Amino acid sequence: ASSRVSITTQDILTASKGQPLPQRGYQCVSCCRVFPRLCALKTHIENSSQEGYSCNVYYRRLKALREKEHKMQEAAAP
C-alpha cells in the first residue's frame, strides 16, 4: 500500500518542520542534500532511486506513518 502513496509539496514541508533551513533552498530530510527550489526537491524525491538514494521510500513511509497516526488519533477522540 505504501508504494502507491504520492508525496505532495505539503508532505515535504511537513517533514521539514523543526529542521533549520538554509537561507536559500530546501533540504531533503532523508539525504540532507540542499536544493534551490521546492520543485527541485520534489523532483529529487520522485527520482531518487535513479540517483542512488532512497529518499522516495523515506518520504512515502513517513507519510504513511503520519496518516496512520492521524487515523489512530481520530479513532481515540470522543
C-alpha atoms as a PDB file:
ATOM      1  CA  ALA A   1       0.000   0.000   0.000  1.00  0.00           C
ATOM      2  CA  SER A   2       2.795   2.457   0.808  1.00  0.00           C
ATOM      3  CA  SER A   3       4.210   2.034  -2.727  1.00  0.00           C
ATOM      4  CA  ARG A   4       1.122   3.859  -4.041  1.00  0.00           C
ATOM      5  CA  VAL A   5       1.489   6.807  -1.660  1.00  0.00           C
ATOM      6  CA  SER A   6       2.024  10.056  -3.540  1.00  0.00           C
ATOM      7  CA  ILE A   7       4.299  12.655  -1.978  1.00  0.00           C
ATOM      8  CA  THR A   8       2.969  16.217  -2.134  1.00  0.00           C
ATOM      9  CA  THR A   9       4.690  19.535  -1.585  1.00  0.00           C
ATOM     10  CA  GLN A  10       2.827  19.824   1.723  1.00  0.00           C
ATOM     11  CA  ASP A  11       4.239  16.445   2.811  1.00  0.00           C
ATOM     12  CA  ILE A  12       7.753  17.704   2.103  1.00  0.00           C
ATOM     13  CA  LEU A  13       7.190  20.906   4.071  1.00  0.00           C
ATOM     14  CA  THR A  14       5.622  18.993   6.956  1.00  0.00           C
ATOM     15  CA  ALA A  15       8.595  16.617   7.098  1.00  0.00           C
ATOM     16  CA  SER A  16      10.934  19.608   7.186  1.00  0.00           C
ATOM     17  CA  LYS A  17       9.328  21.200  10.256  1.00  0.00           C
ATOM     18  CA  GLY A  18      11.870  21.616  13.000  1.00  0.00           C
ATOM     19  CA  GLN A  19      14.743  21.357  10.547  1.00  0.00           C
ATOM     20  CA  PRO A  20      16.755  24.536  10.184  1.00  0.00           C
ATOM     21  CA  LEU A  21      16.554  25.561   6.544  1.00  0.00           C
ATOM     22  CA  PRO A  22      19.459  27.243   4.839  1.00  0.00           C
ATOM     23  CA  GLN A  23      18.904  30.863   3.850  1.00  0.00           C
ATOM     24  CA  ARG A  24      18.317  29.801   0.284  1.00  0.00           C
ATOM     25  CA  GLY A  25      16.925  26.411  -0.515  1.00  0.00           C
ATOM     26  CA  TYR A  26      15.210  23.340   0.826  1.00  0.00           C
ATOM     27  CA  GLN A  27      16.890  20.385   2.462  1.00  0.00           C
ATOM     28  CA  CYS A  28      15.906  16.781   1.828  1.00  0.00           C
ATOM     29  CA  VAL A  29      15.220  15.314   5.257  1.00  0.00           C
ATOM     30  CA  SER A  30      16.347  11.894   4.061  1.00  0.00           C
ATOM     31  CA  CYS A  31      19.740  12.546   2.426  1.00  0.00           C
ATOM     32  CA  CYS A  32      20.362  16.141   3.635  1.00  0.00           C
ATOM     33  CA  ARG A  33      21.077  17.475   0.134  1.00  0.00           C
ATOM     34  CA  VAL A  34      20.034  21.107  -0.374  1.00  0.00           C
ATOM     35  CA  PHE A  35      18.028  22.255  -3.390  1.00  0.00           C
ATOM     36  CA  PRO A  36      17.434  25.844  -4.520  1.00  0.00           C
ATOM     37  CA  ARG A  37      13.686  25.420  -5.110  1.00  0.00           C
ATOM     38  CA  LEU A  38      10.940  23.295  -3.629  1.00  0.00           C
ATOM     39  CA  CYS A  39      10.085  21.872  -7.053  1.00  0.00           C
ATOM     40  CA  ALA A  40      13.715  20.728  -7.445  1.00  0.00           C
ATOM     41  CA  LEU A  41      13.489  18.930  -4.093  1.00  0.00           C
ATOM     42  CA  LYS A  42      10.223  17.278  -5.115  1.00  0.00           C
ATOM     43  CA  THR A  43      11.792  16.119  -8.405  1.00  0.00           C
ATOM     44  CA  HIS A  44      14.770  14.755  -6.467  1.00  0.00           C
ATOM     45  CA  ILE A  45      12.469  12.777  -4.171  1.00  0.00           C
ATOM     46  CA  GLU A  46      10.477  11.375  -7.095  1.00  0.00           C
ATOM     47  CA  ASN A  47      13.645  10.323  -8.977  1.00  0.00           C
ATOM     48  CA  SER A  48      15.868   9.494  -6.007  1.00  0.00           C
ATOM     49  CA  SER A  49      16.180   5.795  -6.811  1.00  0.00           C
ATOM     50  CA  GLN A  50      17.701   6.661 -10.199  1.00  0.00           C
ATOM     51  CA  GLU A  51      20.256   8.818  -8.361  1.00  0.00           C
ATOM     52  CA  GLY A  52      21.153   6.041  -5.916  1.00  0.00           C
ATOM     53  CA  TYR A  53      19.159   7.433  -2.983  1.00  0.00           C
ATOM     54  CA  SER A  54      16.151   6.026  -1.132  1.00  0.00           C
ATOM     55  CA  CYS A  55      14.533   9.393  -0.361  1.00  0.00           C
ATOM     56  CA  ASN A  56      11.266   8.458  -2.081  1.00  0.00           C
ATOM     57  CA  VAL A  57      10.930   5.407   0.150  1.00  0.00           C
ATOM     58  CA  TYR A  58      11.670   7.545   3.220  1.00  0.00           C
ATOM     59  CA  TYR A  59       9.056  10.197   2.399  1.00  0.00           C
ATOM     60  CA  ARG A  60       6.421   7.606   1.396  1.00  0.00           C
ATOM     61  CA  ARG A  61       6.944   5.698   4.643  1.00  0.00           C
ATOM     62  CA  LEU A  62       6.899   8.904   6.680  1.00  0.00           C
ATOM     63  CA  LYS A  63       3.628   9.952   5.051  1.00  0.00           C
ATOM     64  CA  ALA A  64       2.074   6.526   5.643  1.00  0.00           C
ATOM     65  CA  LEU A  65       3.100   6.615   9.312  1.00  0.00           C
ATOM     66  CA  ARG A  66       1.657  10.121   9.771  1.00  0.00           C
ATOM     67  CA  GLU A  67      -1.619   9.094   8.142  1.00  0.00           C
ATOM     68  CA  LYS A  68      -1.804   6.021  10.394  1.00  0.00           C
ATOM     69  CA  GLU A  69      -1.103   8.152  13.463  1.00  0.00           C
ATOM     70  CA  HIS A  70      -3.769  10.659  12.401  1.00  0.00           C
ATOM     71  CA  LYS A  71      -6.357   7.868  11.984  1.00  0.00           C
ATOM     72  CA  MET A  72      -5.487   6.476  15.420  1.00  0.00           C
ATOM     73  CA  GLN A  73      -5.941   9.931  16.966  1.00  0.00           C
ATOM     74  CA  GLU A  74      -9.295  10.354  15.245  1.00  0.00           C
ATOM     75  CA  ALA A  75     -10.437   6.945  16.478  1.00  0.00           C
ATOM     76  CA  ALA A  76      -9.356   7.764  20.034  1.00  0.00           C
ATOM     77  CA  ALA A  77     -11.153  11.118  20.081  1.00  0.00           C
ATOM     78  CA  PRO A  78     -14.506  11.090  21.870  1.00  0.00           C
END
